[in-house]
Amino acid sequence: MSVTGLPFDDFRTLIRGLPGHDVAALAAARSRNKQLTKPEGSLGRLEEIAMWLAAWSGRTPAVTRPLVAIFAGNHGVARNGITPYPPEVTQQMVENFAAGGAAINQICATYDLGLKIFDLALDYPTGDITTEAALSERDCAATMAFGMEAIAGGTDLLCIGEMGIGNTTIAAAINLALYGGEAEDWVGPGTGSHGELLERKIAAVKQAVAFHADHLSDPLEVLRRLGGREIAAMAGAILAARMEKIPVLIDGYVATAAASILKAANPTALDHCLIGHVSGEPGHMLAIEKLGKTPLLALGMRLGEGTGAALAAGIVKAAAACHSGMATFAQAGVTNKS
């Protein structure tokens, strides 16, 4: 690993020193869970989610200000003919989000979730990863810092998502660099790459990882060389949430790739995160398994834009409400087990 003394050093220090969970809040939640009017364990993962909320928020489980943060970026690798959609679709979809016309807008309205969209220099695609680094170290670190500002204004549950034509190619390259295997293990259709498009996508991932092979032992180098602005910003948002005691729901294949960078740098970096869903992208479940996580939902979705995490937020809200709103045996006058 090459330590340059440049901006990544600040992030290396931050990642090494991440705070742990709140022991007292978790103990209090476990104690209350035993007193609620139900057999212990009868709500299954809802109970686990409530305990997770307590541990990583440091308070009684509650979700009152949930936020979906979507980060949008464009990628130089898209010029290799790997996707049926041109890069300008990224900007057009950002405008659609702003106008309330996308799927994520409907889900946020249904579950009463806040929504923020971050346009990350869409007129300036990253470098083509098959022949150059996506970002300089300085630009990558600055974009991570920008992502950390996503939680400004306050939230108690952060859902991260993305938009970016070509970014499933980026996610596949990151996974291949981190976990090995074959490019074919990680490359899927994305927004509809089939036939020759899919073959070019596989070739691009192979070429990119081979080109940068001498620099991929450092996860932050993987990020800047193979990633993109939305990937870097999501990684920053996850880190900021950890520092501010905000539990995180991670969306699909691309958001999971951003999270995987952090896990590679510190095995505990994602303890405050859950995976919202497993997408229809073939490599996503494999990536989730590498993280040691179990997704909350499996609906065959592969849209991105935070949709799976937003749907999962409804489950997390229900888990918090059950824990905090249910009566105890004593309050309800119900006989507890002997």
Protein backbone atom coordinates (compact mmCIF):
# COMPACT_ATOMS: atom_id res chain seq x y z
CA MET A 1 0.00 0.00 0.00
CA SER A 2 1.30 3.42 -0.92
CA VAL A 3 0.74 6.15 1.66
CA THR A 4 1.11 9.47 -0.13
CA GLY A 5 0.51 12.06 2.56
CA LEU A 6 -2.26 13.47 0.39
CA PRO A 7 -5.95 13.83 1.38
CA PHE A 8 -6.64 10.09 1.70
CA ASP A 9 -4.59 10.05 4.88
CA ASP A 10 -7.36 11.89 6.70
CA PHE A 11 -9.87 9.27 5.58
CA ARG A 12 -7.54 6.42 6.54
CA THR A 13 -7.36 7.85 10.05
CA LEU A 14 -11.13 8.27 10.18
CA ILE A 15 -11.82 4.75 8.94
CA ARG A 16 -9.39 3.19 11.43
CA GLY A 17 -11.02 4.97 14.39
CA LEU A 18 -14.73 4.45 13.76
CA PRO A 19 -16.86 4.48 16.92
CA GLY A 20 -18.64 1.33 18.08
CA HIS A 21 -22.26 0.83 19.02
CA ASP A 22 -23.97 2.24 22.11
CA VAL A 23 -23.87 -0.56 24.68
CA ALA A 24 -26.31 1.05 27.13
CA ALA A 25 -28.95 1.81 24.48
CA LEU A 26 -28.77 -1.74 23.18
CA ALA A 27 -29.13 -3.18 26.69
CA ALA A 28 -32.17 -0.99 27.37
CA ALA A 29 -33.81 -2.05 24.10
CA ARG A 30 -33.20 -5.72 24.84
CA SER A 31 -34.71 -5.31 28.29
CA ARG A 32 -37.84 -3.65 26.92
CA ASN A 33 -38.16 -6.23 24.15
CA LYS A 34 -38.51 -8.95 26.80
CA GLN A 35 -41.45 -7.10 28.39
CA LEU A 36 -43.55 -6.42 25.27
CA THR A 37 -46.88 -8.19 24.75
CA LYS A 38 -45.59 -10.94 22.47
CA PRO A 39 -43.48 -14.06 22.77
CA GLU A 40 -39.85 -12.98 22.54
CA GLY A 41 -38.59 -13.49 19.01
CA SER A 42 -42.07 -13.71 17.51
CA LEU A 43 -41.49 -10.63 15.34
CA GLY A 44 -38.37 -12.17 13.86
CA ARG A 45 -36.11 -9.73 12.04
CA LEU A 46 -38.25 -6.80 13.14
CA GLU A 47 -36.89 -7.34 16.64
CA GLU A 48 -33.33 -7.56 15.32
CA ILE A 49 -33.84 -4.33 13.39
CA ALA A 50 -35.11 -2.56 16.51
CA MET A 51 -32.03 -3.69 18.42
CA TRP A 52 -29.81 -2.50 15.54
CA LEU A 53 -31.51 0.90 15.60
CA ALA A 54 -30.93 1.26 19.32
CA ALA A 55 -27.31 0.15 19.11
CA TRP A 56 -26.34 2.54 16.32
CA SER A 57 -28.54 5.53 17.13
CA GLY A 58 -27.78 5.43 20.85
CA ARG A 59 -31.42 5.87 21.85
CA THR A 60 -34.81 4.19 21.98
CA PRO A 61 -35.59 2.87 18.47
CA ALA A 62 -37.34 5.56 16.45
CA VAL A 63 -37.43 6.75 12.85
CA THR A 64 -38.89 10.24 12.61
CA ARG A 65 -36.68 11.93 9.99
CA PRO A 66 -35.72 9.30 7.40
CA LEU A 67 -33.82 10.51 4.36
CA VAL A 68 -33.09 9.07 0.93
CA ALA A 69 -29.92 10.58 -0.54
CA ILE A 70 -29.31 9.99 -4.26
CA PHE A 71 -25.88 10.74 -5.71
CA ALA A 72 -25.58 11.16 -9.47
CA GLY A 73 -22.36 10.93 -11.47
CA ASN A 74 -21.19 10.27 -15.02
CA HIS A 75 -18.44 7.91 -16.12
CA GLY A 76 -15.83 8.06 -18.86
CA VAL A 77 -16.04 4.30 -19.32
CA ALA A 78 -19.50 4.78 -20.86
CA ARG A 79 -17.86 5.92 -24.09
CA ASN A 80 -16.82 2.30 -24.72
CA GLY A 81 -20.29 1.30 -25.89
CA ILE A 82 -21.21 -0.67 -22.76
CA THR A 83 -24.76 0.59 -22.26
CA PRO A 84 -27.77 1.32 -24.48
CA TYR A 85 -28.34 4.70 -22.81
CA PRO A 86 -26.20 7.83 -23.43
CA PRO A 87 -24.65 9.70 -20.47
CA GLU A 88 -27.06 12.63 -20.82
CA VAL A 89 -29.76 10.36 -19.37
CA THR A 90 -28.13 10.85 -15.96
CA GLN A 91 -28.90 14.58 -16.04
CA GLN A 92 -32.36 13.94 -17.45
CA MET A 93 -33.16 11.57 -14.61
CA VAL A 94 -31.88 14.04 -12.02
CA GLU A 95 -34.36 16.52 -13.47
CA ASN A 96 -37.06 13.85 -13.30
CA PHE A 97 -36.29 13.30 -9.61
CA ALA A 98 -36.54 17.03 -9.00
CA ALA A 99 -39.90 17.14 -10.80
CA GLY A 100 -41.28 14.23 -8.76
CA GLY A 101 -41.68 11.91 -11.72
CA ALA A 102 -39.45 8.96 -10.80
CA ALA A 103 -40.18 5.74 -8.95
CA ILE A 104 -38.21 6.94 -5.93
CA ASN A 105 -40.48 9.97 -5.60
CA GLN A 106 -43.54 7.74 -5.31
CA ILE A 107 -41.93 5.45 -2.75
CA CYS A 108 -40.74 8.39 -0.65
CA ALA A 109 -44.24 9.88 -0.70
CA THR A 110 -45.77 6.55 0.29
CA TYR A 111 -43.46 6.01 3.27
CA ASP A 112 -43.03 9.67 4.26
CA LEU A 113 -39.31 9.78 3.51
CA GLY A 114 -37.25 12.88 2.82
CA LEU A 115 -35.37 13.03 -0.48
CA LYS A 116 -32.18 14.85 -1.47
CA ILE A 117 -30.52 14.69 -4.89
CA PHE A 118 -26.81 15.43 -5.34
CA ASP A 119 -25.60 16.29 -8.85
CA LEU A 120 -21.88 15.51 -8.93
CA ALA A 121 -20.35 17.45 -11.86
CA LEU A 122 -22.39 15.63 -14.49
CA ASP A 123 -20.87 17.71 -17.30
CA TYR A 124 -17.45 16.32 -16.40
CA PRO A 125 -17.39 12.51 -16.56
CA THR A 126 -14.68 10.67 -14.66
CA GLY A 127 -11.70 9.25 -16.48
CA ASP A 128 -12.15 6.13 -18.58
CA ILE A 129 -11.08 3.43 -16.13
CA THR A 130 -9.87 1.14 -18.92
CA THR A 131 -6.97 3.54 -19.64
CA GLU A 132 -6.69 5.96 -16.68
CA ALA A 133 -7.79 6.55 -13.11
CA ALA A 134 -11.36 7.67 -12.63
CA LEU A 135 -10.31 10.42 -10.21
CA SER A 136 -7.22 11.98 -8.72
CA GLU A 137 -6.69 11.36 -5.01
CA ARG A 138 -7.52 14.99 -4.27
CA ASP A 139 -10.75 14.93 -6.28
CA CYS A 140 -11.80 11.60 -4.81
CA ALA A 141 -11.20 12.77 -1.24
CA ALA A 142 -13.07 16.02 -1.93
CA THR A 143 -16.03 14.07 -3.29
CA MET A 144 -16.06 11.82 -0.23
CA ALA A 145 -16.08 14.96 1.92
CA PHE A 146 -18.98 16.31 -0.14
CA GLY A 147 -20.88 13.06 0.45
CA MET A 148 -20.37 13.49 4.18
CA GLU A 149 -22.47 16.65 3.98
CA ALA A 150 -25.51 14.64 2.87
CA ILE A 151 -26.65 14.33 6.47
CA ALA A 152 -26.51 18.08 7.09
CA GLY A 153 -29.89 19.23 8.36
CA GLY A 154 -30.44 16.06 10.35
CA THR A 155 -31.80 12.58 9.81
CA ASP A 156 -32.20 9.46 11.94
CA LEU A 157 -32.17 6.90 9.09
CA LEU A 158 -30.10 7.38 5.94
CA CYS A 159 -30.94 5.50 2.74
CA ILE A 160 -28.25 5.83 0.07
CA GLY A 161 -28.87 5.43 -3.65
CA GLU A 162 -27.40 6.55 -6.95
CA MET A 163 -27.92 7.42 -10.59
CA GLY A 164 -25.24 7.16 -13.24
CA ILE A 165 -25.18 5.69 -16.72
CA GLY A 166 -22.40 3.10 -16.81
CA ASN A 167 -22.10 2.67 -13.07
CA THR A 168 -22.91 -1.05 -12.91
CA THR A 169 -19.73 -1.47 -14.95
CA ILE A 170 -17.94 0.54 -12.27
CA ALA A 171 -19.48 -1.61 -9.52
CA ALA A 172 -18.42 -4.80 -11.29
CA ALA A 173 -14.84 -3.53 -11.63
CA ILE A 174 -14.71 -2.64 -7.93
CA ASN A 175 -16.00 -6.07 -6.92
CA LEU A 176 -13.56 -7.85 -9.21
CA ALA A 177 -10.71 -5.82 -7.74
CA LEU A 178 -11.78 -6.44 -4.14
CA TYR A 179 -12.89 -10.06 -4.33
CA GLY A 180 -11.34 -11.62 -7.42
CA GLY A 181 -13.01 -14.29 -9.49
CA GLU A 182 -13.89 -13.66 -13.12
CA ALA A 183 -15.34 -10.51 -14.65
CA GLU A 184 -18.31 -12.60 -15.75
CA ASP A 185 -19.13 -13.25 -12.07
CA TRP A 186 -19.71 -9.54 -11.51
CA VAL A 187 -20.96 -8.11 -14.80
CA GLY A 188 -24.70 -8.09 -15.45
CA PRO A 189 -27.07 -6.32 -17.85
CA GLY A 190 -27.46 -3.13 -15.80
CA THR A 191 -29.81 -0.86 -17.75
CA GLY A 192 -30.16 -3.39 -20.55
CA SER A 193 -26.73 -4.38 -21.86
CA HIS A 194 -27.10 -7.62 -23.78
CA GLY A 195 -25.28 -9.31 -26.65
CA GLU A 196 -22.40 -7.20 -27.96
CA LEU A 197 -23.03 -4.52 -25.35
CA LEU A 198 -22.61 -7.06 -22.57
CA GLU A 199 -19.47 -8.46 -24.17
CA ARG A 200 -17.97 -4.96 -24.35
CA LYS A 201 -18.96 -4.40 -20.73
CA ILE A 202 -17.17 -7.56 -19.63
CA ALA A 203 -14.12 -6.62 -21.69
CA ALA A 204 -14.05 -3.12 -20.17
CA VAL A 205 -14.10 -4.52 -16.62
CA LYS A 206 -11.30 -6.96 -17.42
CA GLN A 207 -9.20 -4.25 -19.05
CA ALA A 208 -9.73 -1.77 -16.22
CA VAL A 209 -8.75 -4.17 -13.45
CA ALA A 210 -5.73 -5.37 -15.42
CA PHE A 211 -4.62 -1.77 -16.15
CA HIS A 212 -4.75 -0.78 -12.47
CA ALA A 213 -3.62 -4.15 -11.07
CA ASP A 214 -0.47 -2.84 -9.39
CA HIS A 215 -2.45 -0.40 -7.21
CA LEU A 216 -5.46 -2.39 -6.03
CA SER A 217 -4.25 -3.62 -2.63
CA ASP A 218 -5.37 -0.31 -1.08
CA PRO A 219 -9.19 0.00 -0.95
CA LEU A 220 -9.07 3.79 -1.32
CA GLU A 221 -6.96 3.38 -4.44
CA VAL A 222 -9.58 0.96 -5.75
CA LEU A 223 -12.13 3.69 -5.12
CA ARG A 224 -10.32 6.48 -6.91
CA ARG A 225 -9.02 4.39 -9.81
CA LEU A 226 -12.09 2.27 -10.56
CA GLY A 227 -14.89 4.19 -8.89
CA GLY A 228 -16.77 7.37 -9.64
CA ARG A 229 -18.06 10.48 -7.97
CA GLU A 230 -21.32 8.91 -6.80
CA ILE A 231 -19.39 5.94 -5.41
CA ALA A 232 -17.02 8.21 -3.48
CA ALA A 233 -19.88 10.37 -2.21
CA MET A 234 -21.84 7.35 -0.97
CA ALA A 235 -18.77 6.10 0.86
CA GLY A 236 -18.44 9.51 2.50
CA ALA A 237 -22.11 9.55 3.48
CA ILE A 238 -21.81 6.13 5.13
CA LEU A 239 -18.79 7.32 7.13
CA ALA A 240 -20.50 10.53 8.22
CA ALA A 241 -23.55 8.59 9.35
CA ARG A 242 -21.36 6.36 11.50
CA MET A 243 -19.76 9.35 13.17
CA GLU A 244 -23.17 10.95 13.85
CA LYS A 245 -24.93 7.79 15.12
CA ILE A 246 -27.22 7.46 12.10
CA PRO A 247 -28.16 3.94 10.96
CA VAL A 248 -27.87 3.38 7.20
CA LEU A 249 -29.81 1.40 4.60
CA ILE A 250 -27.78 0.56 1.50
CA ASP A 251 -29.58 0.20 -1.82
CA GLY A 252 -28.53 -1.90 -4.80
CA TYR A 253 -25.48 -3.19 -6.62
CA VAL A 254 -23.74 0.16 -7.06
CA ALA A 255 -24.37 1.40 -3.52
CA THR A 256 -23.16 -1.95 -2.19
CA ALA A 257 -19.91 -1.52 -4.14
CA ALA A 258 -19.34 1.81 -2.41
CA ALA A 259 -19.95 0.15 0.96
CA SER A 260 -17.58 -2.68 0.07
CA ILE A 261 -14.70 -0.22 -0.23
CA LEU A 262 -15.18 0.74 3.41
CA LYS A 263 -15.53 -2.86 4.57
CA ALA A 264 -12.24 -3.69 2.84
CA ALA A 265 -10.57 -0.84 4.72
CA ASN A 266 -12.07 -1.72 8.13
CA PRO A 267 -14.00 -4.96 8.76
CA THR A 268 -16.35 -3.14 11.19
CA ALA A 269 -17.09 -0.18 8.90
CA LEU A 270 -20.57 -1.38 7.92
CA ASP A 271 -21.83 -2.55 11.30
CA HIS A 272 -24.25 0.40 11.35
CA CYS A 273 -25.60 -0.56 7.91
CA LEU A 274 -28.22 -2.95 6.60
CA ILE A 275 -28.72 -3.95 2.97
CA GLY A 276 -32.16 -2.79 1.89
CA HIS A 277 -32.67 -5.35 -0.87
CA VAL A 278 -30.97 -7.76 -3.21
CA SER A 279 -31.37 -6.52 -6.74
CA GLY A 280 -31.86 -8.39 -9.98
CA GLU A 281 -28.25 -7.65 -10.95
CA PRO A 282 -26.53 -11.08 -10.90
CA GLY A 283 -23.47 -10.02 -8.89
CA HIS A 284 -25.37 -8.26 -6.13
CA MET A 285 -26.16 -11.29 -3.95
CA LEU A 286 -22.55 -12.44 -4.26
CA ALA A 287 -21.36 -9.01 -3.12
CA ILE A 288 -23.82 -9.03 -0.21
CA GLU A 289 -22.54 -12.43 0.87
CA LYS A 290 -18.97 -11.09 0.80
CA LEU A 291 -20.13 -8.41 3.25
CA GLY A 292 -21.71 -11.00 5.55
CA LYS A 293 -25.11 -9.32 5.27
CA THR A 294 -28.68 -10.50 4.67
CA PRO A 295 -30.90 -8.21 2.58
CA LEU A 296 -34.27 -7.14 3.96
CA LEU A 297 -36.10 -7.52 0.64
CA ALA A 298 -35.81 -9.55 -2.56
CA LEU A 299 -38.20 -8.11 -5.13
CA GLY A 300 -36.19 -8.57 -8.33
CA MET A 301 -35.68 -4.81 -8.64
CA ARG A 302 -32.65 -3.34 -10.42
CA LEU A 303 -33.58 0.30 -10.88
CA GLY A 304 -31.15 1.90 -8.46
CA GLU A 305 -32.01 5.46 -7.38
CA GLY A 306 -32.44 4.29 -3.79
CA THR A 307 -35.70 2.47 -4.44
CA GLY A 308 -34.88 -0.76 -2.61
CA ALA A 309 -33.46 1.04 0.41
CA ALA A 310 -36.51 3.31 0.50
CA LEU A 311 -38.90 0.35 0.49
CA ALA A 312 -36.86 -1.25 3.26
CA ALA A 313 -37.16 1.98 5.26
CA GLY A 314 -40.85 1.17 5.65
CA ILE A 315 -39.91 -2.07 7.37
CA VAL A 316 -37.41 -0.29 9.62
CA LYS A 317 -40.04 2.30 10.56
CA ALA A 318 -42.45 -0.52 11.44
CA ALA A 319 -39.80 -2.24 13.55
CA ALA A 320 -39.18 0.95 15.51
CA ALA A 321 -42.91 1.58 15.98
CA CYS A 322 -43.54 -1.95 17.23
CA HIS A 323 -40.73 -1.71 19.75
CA SER A 324 -41.58 1.73 21.05
CA GLY A 325 -45.37 1.69 20.72
CA MET A 326 -46.36 -1.76 21.94
CA ALA A 327 -47.54 -2.10 25.51
CA THR A 328 -45.61 -4.12 28.02
CA PHE A 329 -47.26 -7.06 29.75
CA ALA A 330 -47.63 -4.93 32.89
CA GLN A 331 -49.16 -1.99 31.04
CA ALA A 332 -51.67 -4.14 29.16
CA GLY A 333 -52.57 -6.35 32.12
CA VAL A 334 -51.54 -9.43 30.13
CA THR A 335 -50.01 -12.34 32.00
CA ASN A 336 -46.41 -12.92 31.05
CA LYS A 337 -44.89 -16.38 30.87
CA SER A 338 -43.83 -17.82 34.20
